[in-house]
Amino acid sequence: MKKSCSFCGNKNFREDKVQYIYKHDNRFLVVNNVPAEVCEFCGEQYFKADVLKKIEKEFSEIHSAGKKAKNVLRMPVEEFVEI
């Protein structure tokens, strides 16, 4: 059985490396070069469970266990009603 995209129904995917942003309790982890299957029509990204588990583990090690991240970003934050 061939899979199809949950959003657009397209059946064509490509293997790619993407940026993944993980958020939990208002804390973030940006991970580059994450392997994903990407819908060739709408761009929706699909990840294997083991990939997401590695990201969750890394997030926990950085935010709870004091592991030092490779890089730290500073980013502005706005409330939409104030724009």
C-alpha atoms as a PDB file:
ATOM      1  CA  MET A   1       0.000   0.000   0.000  1.00  0.00           C
ATOM      2  CA  LYS A   2       1.438   3.335  -1.028  1.00  0.00           C
ATOM      3  CA  LYS A   3       1.162   6.170   1.476  1.00  0.00           C
ATOM      4  CA  SER A   4      -0.245   9.569   0.743  1.00  0.00           C
ATOM      5  CA  CYS A   5       0.179  12.996   2.341  1.00  0.00           C
ATOM      6  CA  SER A   6      -2.256  13.615   5.193  1.00  0.00           C
ATOM      7  CA  PHE A   7      -2.771  17.216   4.080  1.00  0.00           C
ATOM      8  CA  CYS A   8      -2.953  17.210   0.279  1.00  0.00           C
ATOM      9  CA  GLY A   9      -3.246  13.523  -0.667  1.00  0.00           C
ATOM     10  CA  ASN A  10      -0.142  13.597  -2.875  1.00  0.00           C
ATOM     11  CA  LYS A  11       1.684  10.266  -3.153  1.00  0.00           C
ATOM     12  CA  ASN A  12       5.140  11.584  -4.040  1.00  0.00           C
ATOM     13  CA  PHE A  13       7.728  12.169  -1.330  1.00  0.00           C
ATOM     14  CA  ARG A  14      11.439  12.917  -1.274  1.00  0.00           C
ATOM     15  CA  GLU A  15      14.048  12.248   1.385  1.00  0.00           C
ATOM     16  CA  ASP A  16      15.500  15.523   2.649  1.00  0.00           C
ATOM     17  CA  LYS A  17      17.259  17.173   5.586  1.00  0.00           C
ATOM     18  CA  VAL A  18      15.190  19.901   7.265  1.00  0.00           C
ATOM     19  CA  GLN A  19      15.215  22.227  10.255  1.00  0.00           C
ATOM     20  CA  TYR A  20      13.028  21.026  13.139  1.00  0.00           C
ATOM     21  CA  ILE A  21      11.887  23.279  15.985  1.00  0.00           C
ATOM     22  CA  TYR A  22      10.979  21.424  19.171  1.00  0.00           C
ATOM     23  CA  LYS A  23       9.001  23.294  21.842  1.00  0.00           C
ATOM     24  CA  HIS A  24       8.045  22.198  25.337  1.00  0.00           C
ATOM     25  CA  ASP A  25       7.019  24.389  28.305  1.00  0.00           C
ATOM     26  CA  ASN A  26       7.978  27.590  26.433  1.00  0.00           C
ATOM     27  CA  ARG A  27      11.491  26.283  25.826  1.00  0.00           C
ATOM     28  CA  PHE A  28      12.816  25.612  22.355  1.00  0.00           C
ATOM     29  CA  LEU A  29      15.415  23.539  20.585  1.00  0.00           C
ATOM     30  CA  VAL A  30      16.251  24.178  16.931  1.00  0.00           C
ATOM     31  CA  VAL A  31      17.781  21.150  15.227  1.00  0.00           C
ATOM     32  CA  ASN A  32      19.319  21.412  11.757  1.00  0.00           C
ATOM     33  CA  ASN A  33      19.738  18.680   9.139  1.00  0.00           C
ATOM     34  CA  VAL A  34      17.016  16.393  10.489  1.00  0.00           C
ATOM     35  CA  PRO A  35      16.158  13.520   8.110  1.00  0.00           C
ATOM     36  CA  ALA A  36      12.565  13.703   6.900  1.00  0.00           C
ATOM     37  CA  GLU A  37      10.239  12.598   4.146  1.00  0.00           C
ATOM     38  CA  VAL A  38       8.829  15.707   2.489  1.00  0.00           C
ATOM     39  CA  CYS A  39       5.682  15.842   0.356  1.00  0.00           C
ATOM     40  CA  GLU A  40       6.704  17.045  -3.092  1.00  0.00           C
ATOM     41  CA  PHE A  41       3.433  18.953  -3.559  1.00  0.00           C
ATOM     42  CA  CYS A  42       2.716  20.792  -0.293  1.00  0.00           C
ATOM     43  CA  GLY A  43       6.008  20.403   1.617  1.00  0.00           C
ATOM     44  CA  GLU A  44       4.529  18.656   4.672  1.00  0.00           C
ATOM     45  CA  GLN A  45       7.289  16.922   6.636  1.00  0.00           C
ATOM     46  CA  TYR A  46       7.171  13.411   8.117  1.00  0.00           C
ATOM     47  CA  PHE A  47       9.666  12.071  10.666  1.00  0.00           C
ATOM     48  CA  LYS A  48      10.501   8.596  11.913  1.00  0.00           C
ATOM     49  CA  ALA A  49       9.784   7.961  15.591  1.00  0.00           C
ATOM     50  CA  ASP A  50      13.438   7.259  16.453  1.00  0.00           C
ATOM     51  CA  VAL A  51      14.452  10.643  15.001  1.00  0.00           C
ATOM     52  CA  LEU A  52      11.901  12.482  17.160  1.00  0.00           C
ATOM     53  CA  LYS A  53      12.931  10.507  20.252  1.00  0.00           C
ATOM     54  CA  LYS A  54      16.561  11.571  19.738  1.00  0.00           C
ATOM     55  CA  ILE A  55      15.456  15.206  19.510  1.00  0.00           C
ATOM     56  CA  GLU A  56      13.368  14.901  22.701  1.00  0.00           C
ATOM     57  CA  LYS A  57      16.323  13.319  24.508  1.00  0.00           C
ATOM     58  CA  GLU A  58      18.682  16.091  23.369  1.00  0.00           C
ATOM     59  CA  PHE A  59      16.141  18.725  24.469  1.00  0.00           C
ATOM     60  CA  SER A  60      15.976  17.138  27.919  1.00  0.00           C
ATOM     61  CA  GLU A  61      19.764  16.919  28.229  1.00  0.00           C
ATOM     62  CA  ILE A  62      20.153  20.595  27.307  1.00  0.00           C
ATOM     63  CA  HIS A  63      17.272  22.028  29.340  1.00  0.00           C
ATOM     64  CA  SER A  64      17.320  19.687  32.352  1.00  0.00           C
ATOM     65  CA  ALA A  65      20.729  18.081  32.595  1.00  0.00           C
ATOM     66  CA  GLY A  66      22.843  21.116  31.752  1.00  0.00           C
ATOM     67  CA  LYS A  67      24.328  19.870  28.493  1.00  0.00           C
ATOM     68  CA  LYS A  68      25.832  22.730  26.510  1.00  0.00           C
ATOM     69  CA  ALA A  69      24.203  23.376  23.127  1.00  0.00           C
ATOM     70  CA  LYS A  70      26.336  23.763  20.011  1.00  0.00           C
ATOM     71  CA  ASN A  71      24.928  27.276  19.471  1.00  0.00           C
ATOM     72  CA  VAL A  72      22.481  29.589  21.274  1.00  0.00           C
ATOM     73  CA  LEU A  73      20.163  31.969  19.419  1.00  0.00           C
ATOM     74  CA  ARG A  74      18.646  35.166  20.710  1.00  0.00           C
ATOM     75  CA  MET A  75      15.340  35.992  19.064  1.00  0.00           C
ATOM     76  CA  PRO A  76      12.781  38.767  19.334  1.00  0.00           C
ATOM     77  CA  VAL A  77       9.252  37.886  20.483  1.00  0.00           C
ATOM     78  CA  GLU A  78       6.089  39.937  19.845  1.00  0.00           C
ATOM     79  CA  GLU A  79       2.429  39.653  20.812  1.00  0.00           C
ATOM     80  CA  PHE A  80       0.225  39.744  17.708  1.00  0.00           C
ATOM     81  CA  VAL A  81      -2.306  42.175  19.216  1.00  0.00           C
ATOM     82  CA  GLU A  82       0.521  44.684  19.690  1.00  0.00           C
ATOM     83  CA  ILE A  83       1.705  44.605  16.096  1.00  0.00           C
END
